[in-house]
N, C-alpha and C. Protein backbone atom coordinates (compact mmCIF):
# COMPACT_ATOMS: atom_id res chain seq x y z
N MET A 1 154.87 168.74 110.07
CA MET A 1 154.92 167.51 109.28
C MET A 1 155.81 167.74 108.06
N ILE A 2 156.63 166.79 107.73
CA ILE A 2 157.51 166.88 106.57
C ILE A 2 156.79 166.31 105.37
N ASP A 3 156.84 167.06 104.27
CA ASP A 3 156.21 166.58 103.04
C ASP A 3 157.02 165.45 102.45
N SER A 4 156.37 164.36 102.15
CA SER A 4 157.03 163.27 101.45
C SER A 4 156.88 163.54 99.96
N PRO A 5 157.76 162.94 99.15
CA PRO A 5 157.64 163.16 97.69
C PRO A 5 156.26 162.82 97.17
N ASP A 6 155.62 161.79 97.74
CA ASP A 6 154.31 161.38 97.25
C ASP A 6 153.24 162.42 97.55
N SER A 7 153.38 163.13 98.68
CA SER A 7 152.34 164.09 99.05
C SER A 7 152.40 165.35 98.19
N ARG A 8 153.53 165.59 97.49
CA ARG A 8 153.66 166.77 96.66
C ARG A 8 153.35 166.50 95.20
N ARG A 9 153.14 165.28 94.84
CA ARG A 9 152.87 164.94 93.45
C ARG A 9 151.51 165.46 93.02
N LYS A 10 151.45 165.85 91.77
CA LYS A 10 150.16 166.25 91.20
C LYS A 10 149.39 165.00 90.84
N PRO A 11 148.09 165.06 90.89
CA PRO A 11 147.31 163.89 90.45
C PRO A 11 147.54 163.65 88.98
N PRO A 12 147.49 162.40 88.54
CA PRO A 12 147.72 162.10 87.13
C PRO A 12 146.69 162.78 86.24
N ALA A 13 147.15 163.27 85.10
CA ALA A 13 146.24 163.90 84.15
C ALA A 13 145.33 162.84 83.55
N SER A 14 144.13 163.25 83.22
CA SER A 14 143.20 162.27 82.64
C SER A 14 143.67 161.91 81.24
N ARG A 15 143.46 160.66 80.89
CA ARG A 15 143.89 160.16 79.58
C ARG A 15 142.87 160.57 78.53
N SER A 16 143.39 160.93 77.40
CA SER A 16 142.50 161.27 76.28
C SER A 16 142.44 160.07 75.34
N ALA A 17 141.60 160.18 74.34
CA ALA A 17 141.47 159.09 73.37
C ALA A 17 142.76 158.92 72.56
N ALA A 18 143.56 159.98 72.47
CA ALA A 18 144.80 159.92 71.68
C ALA A 18 145.97 159.36 72.47
N GLY A 19 145.79 158.97 73.72
CA GLY A 19 146.88 158.45 74.54
C GLY A 19 147.14 159.39 75.70
N ASP A 20 148.31 159.29 76.28
CA ASP A 20 148.66 160.10 77.44
C ASP A 20 149.68 161.15 77.02
N PRO A 21 149.26 162.38 76.68
CA PRO A 21 150.18 163.40 76.20
C PRO A 21 151.35 163.68 77.16
N PRO A 22 151.13 163.81 78.47
CA PRO A 22 152.29 164.07 79.35
C PRO A 22 153.33 162.94 79.28
N LEU A 23 152.87 161.72 79.17
CA LEU A 23 153.78 160.58 79.07
C LEU A 23 154.54 160.62 77.75
N GLU A 24 153.85 160.94 76.68
CA GLU A 24 154.49 161.03 75.37
C GLU A 24 155.52 162.17 75.36
N GLU A 25 155.20 163.30 75.97
CA GLU A 25 156.14 164.42 76.05
C GLU A 25 157.38 164.01 76.84
N ALA A 26 157.19 163.28 77.92
CA ALA A 26 158.31 162.83 78.73
C ALA A 26 159.20 161.88 77.93
N ARG A 27 158.59 161.00 77.16
CA ARG A 27 159.37 160.08 76.32
C ARG A 27 160.18 160.85 75.27
N LEU A 28 159.56 161.85 74.67
CA LEU A 28 160.27 162.65 73.66
C LEU A 28 161.44 163.41 74.29
N ARG A 29 161.24 163.94 75.50
CA ARG A 29 162.34 164.63 76.19
C ARG A 29 163.46 163.66 76.51
N GLN A 30 163.12 162.47 76.97
CA GLN A 30 164.14 161.47 77.28
C GLN A 30 164.91 161.07 76.02
N GLN A 31 164.21 160.91 74.91
CA GLN A 31 164.88 160.58 73.65
C GLN A 31 165.84 161.69 73.24
N ALA A 32 165.41 162.94 73.37
CA ALA A 32 166.27 164.07 73.00
C ALA A 32 167.50 164.11 73.89
N ILE A 33 167.33 163.88 75.18
CA ILE A 33 168.47 163.85 76.10
C ILE A 33 169.41 162.72 75.72
N GLY A 34 168.87 161.56 75.41
CA GLY A 34 169.68 160.41 75.02
C GLY A 34 170.50 160.68 73.77
N VAL A 35 169.87 161.33 72.78
CA VAL A 35 170.57 161.65 71.54
C VAL A 35 171.72 162.61 71.82
N LYS A 36 171.47 163.63 72.63
CA LYS A 36 172.52 164.60 72.95
C LYS A 36 173.66 163.96 73.75
N LEU A 37 173.32 163.09 74.70
CA LEU A 37 174.36 162.41 75.48
C LEU A 37 175.21 161.50 74.60
N ARG A 38 174.56 160.74 73.71
CA ARG A 38 175.32 159.87 72.80
C ARG A 38 176.25 160.68 71.92
N HIS A 39 175.76 161.81 71.42
CA HIS A 39 176.59 162.67 70.57
C HIS A 39 177.80 163.18 71.36
N MET A 40 177.56 163.63 72.59
CA MET A 40 178.64 164.15 73.42
C MET A 40 179.67 163.06 73.73
N PHE A 41 179.21 161.89 74.12
CA PHE A 41 180.15 160.82 74.48
C PHE A 41 180.84 160.24 73.27
N ASP A 42 180.20 160.24 72.10
CA ASP A 42 180.87 159.80 70.88
C ASP A 42 182.06 160.68 70.59
N GLU A 43 181.91 161.99 70.80
CA GLU A 43 183.03 162.91 70.59
C GLU A 43 184.18 162.58 71.54
N VAL A 44 183.86 162.29 72.80
CA VAL A 44 184.89 161.99 73.79
C VAL A 44 185.60 160.67 73.44
N VAL A 45 184.83 159.67 73.05
CA VAL A 45 185.39 158.37 72.72
C VAL A 45 186.33 158.47 71.52
N ASN A 46 186.02 159.35 70.61
CA ASN A 46 186.83 159.47 69.39
C ASN A 46 188.05 160.38 69.55
N GLU A 47 188.21 161.00 70.72
CA GLU A 47 189.38 161.84 70.95
C GLU A 47 190.62 160.96 71.07
N PRO A 48 191.77 161.45 70.62
CA PRO A 48 192.99 160.66 70.75
C PRO A 48 193.43 160.57 72.21
N VAL A 49 194.08 159.45 72.54
CA VAL A 49 194.60 159.26 73.89
C VAL A 49 195.95 159.97 73.98
N PRO A 50 196.16 160.81 74.99
CA PRO A 50 197.43 161.52 75.12
C PRO A 50 198.61 160.56 75.25
N ASP A 51 199.74 160.93 74.65
CA ASP A 51 200.95 160.09 74.69
C ASP A 51 201.39 159.79 76.11
N GLU A 52 201.27 160.78 77.01
CA GLU A 52 201.68 160.57 78.40
C GLU A 52 200.88 159.45 79.05
N PHE A 53 199.60 159.41 78.74
CA PHE A 53 198.74 158.37 79.31
C PHE A 53 199.09 157.01 78.73
N LEU A 54 199.37 156.97 77.44
CA LEU A 54 199.78 155.71 76.81
C LEU A 54 201.09 155.20 77.42
N ASP A 55 202.03 156.12 77.72
CA ASP A 55 203.28 155.73 78.37
C ASP A 55 203.03 155.12 79.75
N ILE A 56 202.14 155.72 80.50
CA ILE A 56 201.80 155.19 81.83
C ILE A 56 201.23 153.78 81.70
N LEU A 57 200.34 153.58 80.75
CA LEU A 57 199.75 152.25 80.54
C LEU A 57 200.80 151.23 80.11
N ARG A 58 201.72 151.64 79.23
CA ARG A 58 202.78 150.72 78.79
C ARG A 58 203.66 150.30 79.97
N ARG A 59 204.05 151.28 80.80
CA ARG A 59 204.89 150.96 81.97
C ARG A 59 204.16 150.04 82.94
N ALA A 60 202.87 150.25 83.12
CA ALA A 60 202.09 149.39 84.01
C ALA A 60 202.04 147.97 83.45
N ASP A 61 201.86 147.85 82.14
CA ASP A 61 201.84 146.53 81.51
C ASP A 61 203.20 145.83 81.65
N GLU A 62 204.28 146.59 81.49
CA GLU A 62 205.61 146.01 81.62
C GLU A 62 205.87 145.51 83.04
N ARG A 63 205.45 146.29 84.03
CA ARG A 63 205.62 145.87 85.43
C ARG A 63 204.81 144.61 85.71
N LYS A 64 203.59 144.59 85.20
CA LYS A 64 202.74 143.42 85.42
C LYS A 64 203.34 142.18 84.77
N ALA A 65 203.89 142.33 83.56
CA ALA A 65 204.47 141.19 82.85
C ALA A 65 205.73 140.70 83.53
N SER A 66 206.47 141.61 84.18
CA SER A 66 207.72 141.21 84.84
C SER A 66 207.48 140.76 86.28
N GLY A 67 206.23 140.77 86.72
CA GLY A 67 205.91 140.30 88.06
C GLY A 67 206.06 141.35 89.12
N GLY A 68 206.16 142.62 88.72
CA GLY A 68 206.29 143.71 89.68
C GLY A 68 204.97 144.03 90.33
N LYS A 69 205.04 144.92 91.33
CA LYS A 69 203.82 145.34 92.02
C LYS A 69 203.02 146.27 91.12
N THR A 70 201.70 146.29 91.34
CA THR A 70 200.82 147.15 90.53
C THR A 70 200.86 148.57 90.97
């Protein structure tokens, strides 16, 4: 028999009066991952565009404006 993902799951932890600690830990991990991803992508977004790439875009725009093929 092949194990399905559901058959391998652990039973949910019992909830305490303070809330669900495993759920709160998961939220905190997700927030930390989100912060790191935003920081990483902000750096990429702020990098300058290479001149060669800008030239390619300009030529494509000129062809499009003159009715040439894409």
